[in-house]
């Protein structure tokens, strides 16, 4: 079987469409379509179901991808690393949410970079869960940190850690609300009303962190719109410290600010909201030593992050 056909097939399987696969491969869409039809004729079975938007793999298509993709990835790794240059470092491509990756994953993985015979070069990219998993499936990344567990057999996920969310504000804002005990004295169903006039600092207009906290803790929706919206939780923290309003932040990110008194916790629920992070690879790629080492290292490091 022609390896070029298999490579095109796996790219289409990961991309979910002939158009995106053609762009990734540097081919025309008709060329990709022709190669897939050739492979289907050789196998005597359809590999994809054509739809209005993209393609969906058949059962035999999923089975072939599951068997072939890891071996093709290994061949690509060999060609990228080279056979003769033993001193060259392999490169690990990591993707994840910007704050968690920057604050947790990258500091841990930098210990594995270097020329000790087992080290690797490190490249990182940031994005949301959908972008990250699509990039991993398409072969742009080796390892991904995601807040969404992927579906299907193409990607394999391991639970990395849970992130506790905290409702915080600057002390001046907290003083406007009265003492923490005064807030706690409000009946649970109406407790969110104590915060309804306080401006909100968030990462998106949809208020994803505040809305999730309100739904989990208060069984309601936030009333105040976002006053300051910045697409990075570290910027949210900075604006909150400056007194812009209340925010919901991961405890690891605001722990130092809480200790210093730059922000205070406005509410301490009995069961705080949690968000789970997953460590994701393409199925079969843990056979590659540098990916396996980084994967194991992050899982061990995460034991101290919870």
Protein backbone atom coordinates (compact mmCIF):
# COMPACT_ATOMS: atom_id res chain seq x y z
CA UNK A 1 0.00 0.00 0.00
CA UNK A 2 1.33 3.44 -0.97
CA UNK A 3 2.46 5.37 2.13
CA UNK A 4 1.55 8.65 0.40
CA UNK A 5 -2.05 7.48 0.19
CA UNK A 6 -2.02 6.54 3.87
CA UNK A 7 -0.55 9.90 4.80
CA UNK A 8 -3.30 11.69 2.88
CA UNK A 9 -5.92 9.44 4.47
CA UNK A 10 -4.71 10.11 8.02
CA UNK A 11 -4.58 13.86 7.34
CA UNK A 12 -8.18 13.84 6.07
CA UNK A 13 -9.24 11.76 9.09
CA UNK A 14 -7.67 14.25 11.47
CA UNK A 15 -8.77 17.39 9.62
CA UNK A 16 -12.34 16.24 9.07
CA UNK A 17 -12.50 17.61 5.54
CA UNK A 18 -10.77 17.31 2.16
CA UNK A 19 -10.34 21.10 2.00
CA UNK A 20 -8.47 21.40 5.32
CA UNK A 21 -6.41 18.29 4.55
CA UNK A 22 -5.40 19.72 1.17
CA UNK A 23 -4.19 22.91 2.85
CA UNK A 24 -2.18 20.92 5.40
CA UNK A 25 -0.61 18.72 2.73
CA UNK A 26 0.02 21.49 0.21
CA UNK A 27 -2.10 19.70 -2.39
CA UNK A 28 -5.18 20.63 -4.37
CA UNK A 29 -8.53 19.39 -3.14
CA UNK A 30 -9.08 17.29 -6.32
CA UNK A 31 -5.71 15.60 -5.72
CA UNK A 32 -6.71 14.70 -2.17
CA UNK A 33 -10.11 13.43 -3.34
CA UNK A 34 -8.42 11.34 -6.02
CA UNK A 35 -5.98 9.78 -3.54
CA UNK A 36 -8.76 8.85 -1.12
CA UNK A 37 -10.79 7.27 -3.93
CA UNK A 38 -7.72 5.29 -5.01
CA UNK A 39 -7.22 4.00 -1.48
CA UNK A 40 -10.91 3.12 -1.17
CA UNK A 41 -10.71 1.15 -4.44
CA UNK A 42 -7.67 -0.73 -3.19
CA UNK A 43 -9.40 -1.63 0.06
CA UNK A 44 -12.79 -2.25 -1.53
CA UNK A 45 -14.48 -0.31 1.26
CA UNK A 46 -15.55 3.31 1.75
CA UNK A 47 -13.42 5.20 4.26
CA UNK A 48 -15.46 8.39 4.61
CA UNK A 49 -19.06 9.50 4.38
CA UNK A 50 -19.28 12.76 2.43
CA UNK A 51 -21.40 15.44 4.11
CA UNK A 52 -22.31 19.05 3.38
CA UNK A 53 -19.55 20.20 5.73
CA UNK A 54 -16.57 17.90 5.72
CA UNK A 55 -16.46 14.14 6.00
CA UNK A 56 -17.17 11.55 8.68
CA UNK A 57 -15.05 8.37 8.83
CA UNK A 58 -16.76 5.02 8.42
CA UNK A 59 -16.10 2.21 10.88
CA UNK A 60 -13.37 0.81 8.63
CA UNK A 61 -11.97 4.33 8.26
CA UNK A 62 -11.69 4.76 12.02
CA UNK A 63 -10.08 1.33 12.36
CA UNK A 64 -7.51 2.08 9.65
CA UNK A 65 -6.66 5.46 11.19
CA UNK A 66 -6.24 3.88 14.62
CA UNK A 67 -3.79 1.32 13.21
CA UNK A 68 -1.90 3.47 10.71
CA UNK A 69 -1.58 6.91 12.35
CA UNK A 70 0.93 6.00 15.10
CA UNK A 71 3.28 4.36 12.59
CA UNK A 72 3.07 7.28 10.19
CA UNK A 73 3.79 9.68 13.06
CA UNK A 74 6.82 7.59 13.99
CA UNK A 75 8.12 7.75 10.40
CA UNK A 76 7.67 11.53 10.35
CA UNK A 77 9.55 11.73 13.65
CA UNK A 78 12.44 9.79 12.18
CA UNK A 79 12.67 12.03 9.12
CA UNK A 80 12.42 15.23 11.19
CA UNK A 81 15.01 14.13 13.75
CA UNK A 82 17.47 12.68 11.24
CA UNK A 83 19.41 9.46 11.36
CA UNK A 84 22.98 10.73 11.34
CA UNK A 85 22.99 13.70 13.70
CA UNK A 86 22.94 12.07 17.14
CA UNK A 87 23.53 15.41 18.86
CA UNK A 88 20.34 17.00 17.53
CA UNK A 89 17.51 17.49 19.99
CA UNK A 90 14.02 16.29 19.30
CA UNK A 91 11.37 18.98 19.53
CA UNK A 92 8.27 18.65 21.69
CA UNK A 93 5.32 20.72 20.49
CA UNK A 94 3.02 21.52 23.41
CA UNK A 95 -0.33 23.30 23.25
CA UNK A 96 -2.62 24.45 26.03
CA UNK A 97 -4.54 27.35 27.59
CA UNK A 98 -2.16 30.30 28.00
CA UNK A 99 -2.32 30.85 31.76
CA UNK A 100 -2.14 27.23 32.93
CA UNK A 101 0.49 26.33 30.36
CA UNK A 102 2.64 29.33 31.26
CA UNK A 103 2.27 29.05 35.02
CA UNK A 104 2.29 25.26 35.44
CA UNK A 105 3.31 23.15 32.46
CA UNK A 106 6.18 25.12 30.93
CA UNK A 107 8.14 25.65 34.17
CA UNK A 108 7.89 21.91 34.83
CA UNK A 109 8.95 20.88 31.33
CA UNK A 110 11.91 23.24 31.10
CA UNK A 111 13.68 20.85 33.46
CA UNK A 112 13.68 18.31 30.64
CA UNK A 113 15.19 20.59 28.01
CA UNK A 114 18.90 20.45 27.33
CA UNK A 115 21.51 18.17 25.87
CA UNK A 116 21.69 15.34 28.42
CA UNK A 117 20.97 12.68 25.82
CA UNK A 118 17.31 12.51 26.84
CA UNK A 119 16.34 16.16 26.64
CA UNK A 120 14.33 17.90 23.95
CA UNK A 121 13.70 21.31 22.49
CA UNK A 122 10.37 22.80 23.49
CA UNK A 123 7.85 24.78 21.47
CA UNK A 124 4.54 25.99 22.90
CA UNK A 125 1.36 27.43 21.47
CA UNK A 126 -1.81 28.66 23.15
CA UNK A 127 -5.49 28.39 22.32
CA UNK A 128 -8.91 27.32 23.53
CA UNK A 129 -9.89 23.68 23.98
CA UNK A 130 -11.40 23.30 20.51
CA UNK A 131 -8.40 24.84 18.74
CA UNK A 132 -5.95 22.81 20.80
CA UNK A 133 -7.59 19.44 20.16
CA UNK A 134 -8.06 20.15 16.45
CA UNK A 135 -4.38 21.07 16.18
CA UNK A 136 -3.33 17.93 18.03
CA UNK A 137 -5.49 15.72 15.82
CA UNK A 138 -4.07 17.39 12.71
CA UNK A 139 -0.51 16.69 13.87
CA UNK A 140 0.49 20.28 14.69
CA UNK A 141 1.15 19.41 18.36
CA UNK A 142 2.62 16.40 20.15
CA UNK A 143 1.02 16.97 23.52
CA UNK A 144 -1.98 19.05 24.56
CA UNK A 145 -3.49 20.31 27.79
CA UNK A 146 -7.24 20.72 27.47
CA UNK A 147 -10.24 21.47 29.67
CA UNK A 148 -12.37 19.26 27.39
CA UNK A 149 -12.04 15.48 27.19
CA UNK A 150 -11.75 14.46 23.53
CA UNK A 151 -14.12 11.95 21.98
CA UNK A 152 -13.23 9.05 19.71
CA UNK A 153 -10.23 6.75 19.53
CA UNK A 154 -7.86 9.07 17.68
CA UNK A 155 -6.90 11.01 20.84
CA UNK A 156 -6.11 9.57 24.27
CA UNK A 157 -6.67 11.66 27.41
CA UNK A 158 -5.37 11.29 30.98
CA UNK A 159 -6.72 13.36 33.88
CA UNK A 160 -4.04 15.87 34.83
CA UNK A 161 -5.47 17.84 37.76
CA UNK A 162 -8.45 19.79 39.07
CA UNK A 163 -8.45 23.57 39.32
CA UNK A 164 -10.35 25.28 42.15
CA UNK A 165 -12.11 28.53 41.32
CA UNK A 166 -12.29 31.43 43.81
CA UNK A 167 -14.51 34.52 43.85
CA UNK A 168 -12.21 37.46 44.60
CA UNK A 169 -12.04 41.25 44.64
CA UNK A 170 -9.72 43.96 45.89
CA UNK A 171 -10.10 44.81 49.60
CA UNK A 172 -11.73 48.14 48.70
CA UNK A 173 -14.43 46.35 46.74
CA UNK A 174 -14.92 43.83 49.53
CA UNK A 175 -15.39 46.69 52.00
CA UNK A 176 -18.28 47.96 49.89
CA UNK A 177 -20.03 44.63 50.44
CA UNK A 178 -19.43 44.55 54.18
CA UNK A 179 -17.74 41.70 56.01
CA UNK A 180 -17.53 38.19 54.67
CA UNK A 181 -19.76 37.05 57.52
CA UNK A 182 -22.42 39.52 56.41
CA UNK A 183 -22.42 37.95 52.96
CA UNK A 184 -22.56 34.45 54.43
CA UNK A 185 -25.60 35.42 56.49
CA UNK A 186 -27.64 35.96 53.32
CA UNK A 187 -29.77 32.88 52.55
CA UNK A 188 -28.09 30.61 49.98
CA UNK A 189 -30.66 31.13 47.23
CA UNK A 190 -30.34 34.93 47.48
CA UNK A 191 -26.63 35.17 48.25
CA UNK A 192 -25.75 36.09 44.67
CA UNK A 193 -27.83 39.26 45.10
CA UNK A 194 -25.13 40.61 47.41
CA UNK A 195 -22.80 40.84 44.41
CA UNK A 196 -25.19 41.98 41.70
CA UNK A 197 -24.10 45.64 41.76
CA UNK A 198 -20.36 44.89 41.71
CA UNK A 199 -18.60 45.27 38.33
CA UNK A 200 -17.26 42.06 36.78
CA UNK A 201 -13.82 41.42 35.28
CA UNK A 202 -13.75 38.52 32.81
CA UNK A 203 -11.99 36.91 29.86
CA UNK A 204 -14.99 37.01 27.50
CA UNK A 205 -18.29 38.83 27.06
CA UNK A 206 -20.14 35.59 27.87
CA UNK A 207 -18.63 35.64 31.40
CA UNK A 208 -17.57 31.97 31.34
CA UNK A 209 -15.86 31.86 34.76
CA UNK A 210 -18.40 33.96 36.63
CA UNK A 211 -21.34 32.19 35.01
CA UNK A 212 -19.95 28.77 35.87
CA UNK A 213 -19.35 29.86 39.47
CA UNK A 214 -22.84 31.38 39.82
CA UNK A 215 -24.49 28.24 38.41
CA UNK A 216 -22.49 25.91 40.65
CA UNK A 217 -22.57 27.87 43.90
CA UNK A 218 -25.66 30.08 43.74
CA UNK A 219 -27.78 28.12 41.24
CA UNK A 220 -28.39 31.35 39.34
CA UNK A 221 -26.96 33.60 36.66
CA UNK A 222 -24.83 36.71 37.24
CA UNK A 223 -26.78 39.93 36.94
CA UNK A 224 -23.94 42.38 36.24
CA UNK A 225 -22.36 42.53 32.76
CA UNK A 226 -18.63 42.47 32.20
CA UNK A 227 -17.13 45.88 32.96
CA UNK A 228 -13.58 44.90 31.99
CA UNK A 229 -13.09 42.04 29.50
CA UNK A 230 -9.52 40.92 28.73
CA UNK A 231 -8.61 37.56 27.10
CA UNK A 232 -6.07 36.46 29.70
CA UNK A 233 -6.65 35.45 33.32
CA UNK A 234 -3.40 37.09 34.41
CA UNK A 235 -4.74 40.39 33.09
CA UNK A 236 -8.04 39.70 34.87
CA UNK A 237 -6.12 39.31 38.12
CA UNK A 238 -4.19 42.54 37.55
CA UNK A 239 -7.40 44.47 36.87
CA UNK A 240 -9.05 42.93 39.92
CA UNK A 241 -6.12 43.92 42.15
CA UNK A 242 -6.47 47.45 40.76
CA UNK A 243 -10.08 47.52 41.96
CA UNK A 244 -11.93 47.11 38.65
CA UNK A 245 -14.43 44.64 40.12
CA UNK A 246 -14.94 41.06 41.20
CA UNK A 247 -13.58 38.07 39.31
CA UNK A 248 -13.56 34.29 39.46
CA UNK A 249 -10.02 32.98 39.19
CA UNK A 250 -8.15 29.70 39.58
CA UNK A 251 -6.74 29.48 43.10
CA UNK A 252 -3.24 28.67 41.84
CA UNK A 253 -3.23 31.92 39.86
CA UNK A 254 -4.39 34.20 42.68
CA UNK A 255 -2.86 32.37 45.68
CA UNK A 256 0.03 34.83 46.08
CA UNK A 257 -2.31 37.82 45.73
CA UNK A 258 -4.57 36.30 48.40
CA UNK A 259 -1.61 35.78 50.76
CA UNK A 260 -0.42 39.36 50.26
CA UNK A 261 -3.91 40.77 50.71
CA UNK A 262 -3.99 42.26 47.22
CA UNK A 263 -7.34 40.48 46.77
CA UNK A 264 -9.67 38.76 49.22
CA UNK A 265 -12.05 35.85 48.80
CA UNK A 266 -15.61 37.15 48.75
CA UNK A 267 -17.16 33.75 49.38
CA UNK A 268 -15.93 30.34 50.57
CA UNK A 269 -18.44 27.68 49.47
CA UNK A 270 -18.42 24.30 51.18
CA UNK A 271 -17.79 22.64 47.82
CA UNK A 272 -15.84 25.02 45.57
CA UNK A 273 -16.29 24.82 41.79
CA UNK A 274 -13.64 22.78 40.04
CA UNK A 275 -12.44 22.54 36.46
CA UNK A 276 -10.56 19.46 35.23
CA UNK A 277 -7.53 19.56 32.95
CA UNK A 278 -6.69 16.65 30.66
CA UNK A 279 -3.33 15.70 29.16
CA UNK A 280 -3.99 14.54 25.60
CA UNK A 281 -1.91 12.78 22.94
CA UNK A 282 -2.64 11.17 19.60
CA UNK A 283 -3.22 7.50 20.23
CA UNK A 284 0.00 5.56 19.78
CA UNK A 285 2.43 8.49 20.00
CA UNK A 286 3.50 7.63 23.56
CA UNK A 287 5.78 5.12 21.82
CA UNK A 288 7.98 8.13 21.03
CA UNK A 289 10.43 8.56 23.95
CA UNK A 290 10.39 12.36 24.16
CA UNK A 291 6.57 12.51 24.17
CA UNK A 292 6.33 9.69 26.70
CA UNK A 293 8.87 11.36 28.99
CA UNK A 294 7.10 14.73 28.89
CA UNK A 295 3.73 13.04 29.43
CA UNK A 296 4.95 11.13 32.49
CA UNK A 297 6.77 14.18 33.87
CA UNK A 298 3.68 16.38 33.71
CA UNK A 299 1.48 13.74 35.35
CA UNK A 300 3.96 13.49 38.22
CA UNK A 301 4.30 17.26 38.56
CA UNK A 302 0.51 17.66 38.61
CA UNK A 303 0.30 15.66 41.84
CA UNK A 304 1.61 18.79 43.59
CA UNK A 305 -0.71 21.17 41.73
CA UNK A 306 -4.03 19.91 43.12
